[in-house]
C-alpha atoms as a PDB file:
ATOM      1  CA  MET A   1     -55.401-100.256-147.263  1.00  0.00           C
ATOM      2  CA  ILE A   2     -55.547 -97.539-149.903  1.00  0.00           C
ATOM      3  CA  GLU A   3     -55.395 -94.689-147.391  1.00  0.00           C
ATOM      4  CA  ASN A   4     -52.254 -96.088-145.776  1.00  0.00           C
ATOM      5  CA  TRP A   5     -50.702 -96.665-149.186  1.00  0.00           C
ATOM      6  CA  GLY A   6     -51.304 -92.965-149.880  1.00  0.00           C
ATOM      7  CA  GLU A   7     -49.505 -92.116-146.627  1.00  0.00           C
ATOM      8  CA  SER A   8     -46.636 -94.412-147.670  1.00  0.00           C
ATOM      9  CA  ASN A   9     -46.373 -92.500-150.925  1.00  0.00           C
ATOM     10  CA  LYS A  10     -46.245 -89.197-149.012  1.00  0.00           C
ATOM     11  CA  GLU A  11     -43.330 -90.546-146.957  1.00  0.00           C
ATOM     12  CA  TYR A  12     -41.661 -91.715-150.164  1.00  0.00           C
ATOM     13  CA  ASN A  13     -41.956 -88.187-151.580  1.00  0.00           C
ATOM     14  CA  HIS A  14     -40.419 -86.764-148.395  1.00  0.00           C
ATOM     15  CA  CYS A  15     -37.452 -89.105-148.658  1.00  0.00           C
ATOM     16  CA  LYS A  16     -36.001 -87.089-151.571  1.00  0.00           C
ATOM     17  CA  GLU A  17     -32.695 -88.784-152.369  1.00  0.00           C
ATOM     18  CA  ALA A  18     -32.467 -90.919-149.209  1.00  0.00           C
ATOM     19  CA  PRO A  19     -31.264 -94.488-149.721  1.00  0.00           C
ATOM     20  CA  LEU A  20     -33.913 -97.174-149.957  1.00  0.00           C
ATOM     21  CA  VAL A  21     -32.933 -98.679-146.562  1.00  0.00           C
ATOM     22  CA  LYS A  22     -33.615 -95.314-144.882  1.00  0.00           C
ATOM     23  CA  CYS A  23     -36.759 -94.492-146.845  1.00  0.00           C
ATOM     24  CA  PHE A  24     -38.361 -97.904-146.232  1.00  0.00           C
ATOM     25  CA  LEU A  25     -37.828 -97.384-142.528  1.00  0.00           C
ATOM     26  CA  LYS A  26     -39.679 -94.052-142.736  1.00  0.00           C
ATOM     27  CA  MET A  27     -42.477 -95.685-144.729  1.00  0.00           C
ATOM     28  CA  SER A  28     -42.665 -98.807-142.527  1.00  0.00           C
ATOM     29  CA  LYS A  29     -45.582 -97.747-140.303  1.00  0.00           C
ATOM     30  CA  TYR A  30     -47.926 -97.149-143.213  1.00  0.00           C
ATOM     31  CA  MET A  31     -46.604 -99.978-145.349  1.00  0.00           C
ATOM     32  CA  TRP A  32     -47.116-102.448-142.481  1.00  0.00           C
ATOM     33  CA  ARG A  33     -50.736-101.323-142.234  1.00  0.00           C
ATOM     34  CA  VAL A  34     -51.180-101.826-145.998  1.00  0.00           C
ATOM     35  CA  PHE A  35     -49.814-105.375-145.980  1.00  0.00           C
ATOM     36  CA  ASN A  36     -51.631-106.268-142.785  1.00  0.00           C
ATOM     37  CA  ALA A  37     -54.902-105.276-144.482  1.00  0.00           C
ATOM     38  CA  MET A  38     -53.925-107.167-147.651  1.00  0.00           C
ATOM     39  CA  ARG A  39     -53.290-110.340-145.644  1.00  0.00           C
ATOM     40  CA  ILE A  40     -56.640-110.046-143.862  1.00  0.00           C
ATOM     41  CA  VAL A  41     -58.481-109.341-147.123  1.00  0.00           C
ATOM     42  CA  ARG A  42     -56.771-112.143-149.052  1.00  0.00           C
ATOM     43  CA  VAL A  43     -58.984-114.862-147.534  1.00  0.00           C
ATOM     44  CA  ARG A  44     -62.054-113.121-148.954  1.00  0.00           C
ATOM     45  CA  LEU A  45     -60.756-112.938-152.529  1.00  0.00           C
ATOM     46  CA  PRO A  46     -61.808-115.385-155.231  1.00  0.00           C
ATOM     47  CA  ASN A  47     -59.281-118.158-155.897  1.00  0.00           C
ATOM     48  CA  GLU A  48     -58.170-116.651-159.228  1.00  0.00           C
ATOM     49  CA  ALA A  49     -57.227-113.386-157.530  1.00  0.00           C
ATOM     50  CA  LYS A  50     -55.292-115.263-154.864  1.00  0.00           C
ATOM     51  CA  LEU A  51     -53.282-117.144-157.447  1.00  0.00           C
ATOM     52  CA  LYS A  52     -52.356-114.297-159.773  1.00  0.00           C
ATOM     53  CA  GLY A  53     -50.931-111.943-157.126  1.00  0.00           C
ATOM     54  CA  VAL A  54     -47.222-112.195-156.423  1.00  0.00           C
ATOM     55  CA  VAL A  55     -47.464-110.929-152.863  1.00  0.00           C
ATOM     56  CA  ARG A  56     -47.048-113.957-150.624  1.00  0.00           C
ATOM     57  CA  PHE A  57     -48.053-114.164-146.987  1.00  0.00           C
ATOM     58  CA  GLY A  58     -47.189-116.727-144.362  1.00  0.00           C
ATOM     59  CA  GLU A  59     -43.599-117.329-145.467  1.00  0.00           C
ATOM     60  CA  GLN A  60     -41.638-115.780-142.633  1.00  0.00           C
ATOM     61  CA  PHE A  61     -38.794-114.250-144.609  1.00  0.00           C
ATOM     62  CA  HIS A  62     -40.754-113.458-147.761  1.00  0.00           C
ATOM     63  CA  ASP A  63     -43.897-112.210-146.069  1.00  0.00           C
ATOM     64  CA  PRO A  64     -44.137-108.417-146.553  1.00  0.00           C
ATOM     65  CA  GLU A  65     -46.207-107.966-143.399  1.00  0.00           C
ATOM     66  CA  HIS A  66     -43.594-109.828-141.347  1.00  0.00           C
ATOM     67  CA  LEU A  67     -40.696-107.898-142.869  1.00  0.00           C
ATOM     68  CA  LEU A  68     -42.394-104.549-142.322  1.00  0.00           C
ATOM     69  CA  SER A  69     -43.159-105.511-138.737  1.00  0.00           C
ATOM     70  CA  MET A  70     -39.410-106.063-138.196  1.00  0.00           C
ATOM     71  CA  TRP A  71     -38.581-102.759-139.902  1.00  0.00           C
ATOM     72  CA  LEU A  72     -41.155-100.945-137.811  1.00  0.00           C
ATOM     73  CA  GLN A  73     -39.467-102.313-134.678  1.00  0.00           C
ATOM     74  CA  TYR A  74     -36.129-100.916-135.903  1.00  0.00           C
ATOM     75  CA  LYS A  75     -37.803 -97.544-136.417  1.00  0.00           C
ATOM     76  CA  ARG A  76     -39.304 -97.602-132.925  1.00  0.00           C
ATOM     77  CA  LYS A  77     -35.859 -98.352-131.482  1.00  0.00           C
ATOM     78  CA  GLY A  78     -34.582 -95.209-133.191  1.00  0.00           C
ATOM     79  CA  ASP A  79     -32.540 -96.828-135.967  1.00  0.00           C
ATOM     80  CA  ALA A  80     -31.910 -94.560-138.960  1.00  0.00           C
ATOM     81  CA  GLU A  81     -32.008 -97.355-141.540  1.00  0.00           C
ATOM     82  CA  ILE A  82     -32.798-101.024-141.921  1.00  0.00           C
ATOM     83  CA  PRO A  83     -29.786-102.816-140.428  1.00  0.00           C
ATOM     84  CA  SER A  84     -27.720-105.648-141.825  1.00  0.00           C
ATOM     85  CA  ARG A  85     -30.460-107.999-143.172  1.00  0.00           C
ATOM     86  CA  VAL A  86     -30.134-106.724-146.704  1.00  0.00           C
ATOM     87  CA  GLU A  87     -31.385-110.044-148.088  1.00  0.00           C
ATOM     88  CA  ASP A  88     -34.775-109.357-146.491  1.00  0.00           C
ATOM     89  CA  VAL A  89     -34.997-106.043-148.320  1.00  0.00           C
ATOM     90  CA  LYS A  90     -34.039-107.702-151.610  1.00  0.00           C
ATOM     91  CA  SER A  91     -36.595-110.479-151.074  1.00  0.00           C
ATOM     92  CA  PHE A  92     -39.290-107.862-150.450  1.00  0.00           C
ATOM     93  CA  LEU A  93     -38.372-105.934-153.599  1.00  0.00           C
ATOM     94  CA  LEU A  94     -38.271-109.014-155.828  1.00  0.00           C
ATOM     95  CA  GLN A  95     -41.913-109.801-154.997  1.00  0.00           C
ATOM     96  CA  PHE A  96     -42.808-106.619-156.849  1.00  0.00           C
ATOM     97  CA  GLY A  97     -40.392-107.061-159.740  1.00  0.00           C
ATOM     98  CA  CYS A  98     -38.165-104.240-158.481  1.00  0.00           C
ATOM     99  CA  ASP A  99     -34.991-105.685-159.993  1.00  0.00           C
ATOM    100  CA  GLN A 100     -33.267-102.306-160.392  1.00  0.00           C
ATOM    101  CA  ALA A 101     -33.771-101.481-156.709  1.00  0.00           C
ATOM    102  CA  VAL A 102     -32.304-104.859-155.722  1.00  0.00           C
ATOM    103  CA  LEU A 103     -29.105-103.996-157.587  1.00  0.00           C
ATOM    104  CA  ASN A 104     -28.496-100.904-155.480  1.00  0.00           C
ATOM    105  CA  ILE A 105     -30.400-100.667-152.208  1.00  0.00           C
ATOM    106  CA  GLN A 106     -28.182 -97.760-151.143  1.00  0.00           C
ATOM    107  CA  ALA A 107     -29.818 -95.644-153.877  1.00  0.00           C
ATOM    108  CA  ARG A 108     -33.222 -93.954-153.838  1.00  0.00           C
ATOM    109  CA  ILE A 109     -36.250 -96.200-154.394  1.00  0.00           C
ATOM    110  CA  PRO A 110     -36.796 -96.064-158.147  1.00  0.00           C
ATOM    111  CA  PRO A 111     -40.172 -94.529-159.077  1.00  0.00           C
ATOM    112  CA  ALA A 112     -40.794 -97.561-161.329  1.00  0.00           C
ATOM    113  CA  CYS A 113     -40.578 -99.793-158.245  1.00  0.00           C
ATOM    114  CA  VAL A 114     -43.155 -97.696-156.388  1.00  0.00           C
ATOM    115  CA  THR A 115     -45.382 -97.942-159.470  1.00  0.00           C
ATOM    116  CA  LYS A 116     -45.062-101.749-159.455  1.00  0.00           C
ATOM    117  CA  MET A 117     -45.954-101.860-155.774  1.00  0.00           C
ATOM    118  CA  ASN A 118     -48.889 -99.554-156.454  1.00  0.00           C
ATOM    119  CA  ASN A 119     -50.109-101.873-159.220  1.00  0.00           C
ATOM    120  CA  LYS A 120     -50.108-104.895-156.868  1.00  0.00           C
ATOM    121  CA  ILE A 121     -52.012-102.980-154.218  1.00  0.00           C
ATOM    122  CA  ASN A 122     -54.517-101.872-156.861  1.00  0.00           C
ATOM    123  CA  GLU A 123     -54.999-105.521-157.901  1.00  0.00           C
ATOM    124  CA  TYR A 124     -56.204-106.259-154.377  1.00  0.00           C
ATOM    125  CA  ASN A 125     -58.438-103.211-154.418  1.00  0.00           C
ATOM    126  CA  LYS A 126     -59.995-104.214-157.756  1.00  0.00           C
ATOM    127  CA  ALA A 127     -60.497-107.791-156.573  1.00  0.00           C
ATOM    128  CA  LEU A 128     -62.278-106.505-153.480  1.00  0.00           C
ATOM    129  CA  ALA A 129     -64.428-104.138-155.515  1.00  0.00           C
ATOM    130  CA  SER A 130     -65.451-107.010-157.788  1.00  0.00           C
ATOM    131  CA  LEU A 131     -66.948-108.813-154.791  1.00  0.00           C
ATOM    132  CA  VAL A 132     -69.487-106.038-154.263  1.00  0.00           C
ATOM    133  CA  THR A 133     -72.628-106.986-156.161  1.00  0.00           C
ATOM    134  CA  ASP A 134     -75.854-105.074-156.700  1.00  0.00           C
ATOM    135  CA  ALA A 135     -77.601-107.373-154.196  1.00  0.00           C
ATOM    136  CA  LYS A 136     -75.009-106.577-151.530  1.00  0.00           C
ATOM    137  CA  ARG A 137     -75.285-102.847-152.222  1.00  0.00           C
ATOM    138  CA  ARG A 138     -79.082-102.962-151.823  1.00  0.00           C
ATOM    139  CA  TRP A 139     -78.729-104.946-148.575  1.00  0.00           C
ATOM    140  CA  ASN A 140     -76.217-102.469-147.149  1.00  0.00           C
ATOM    141  CA  ARG A 141     -78.546 -99.517-147.854  1.00  0.00           C
ATOM    142  CA  ARG A 142     -81.246-100.949-145.579  1.00  0.00           C
END
């Protein structure tokens, strides 16, 4: 999850001033992997962690994994940017509180939006880390 998020950030840095709909397409491979891992991990998190995160899964048009899967298909077809379904992009951004990006998806992804996404991904990472206890560490060393 974290490694693929790092790769997503590298793609973001390569985008320079590319519009969000083009940059997300470039980032889609790694971002899909991140959200796929987050969905799989979510069932292992304590209930409190599940409730406080804003990233929702299982809602077809709000599910980040589903949206990124669609965007990855566009990329594989050779599209240069995410086509027509701008509402999907806005829905994705709103889950992370990226209100400024929603206002102008033809602009570059605001760094503050990437920071907000990073914070949500780190919440999952911290929740996972909290599940590792001393007893589990000792067991894994055997």
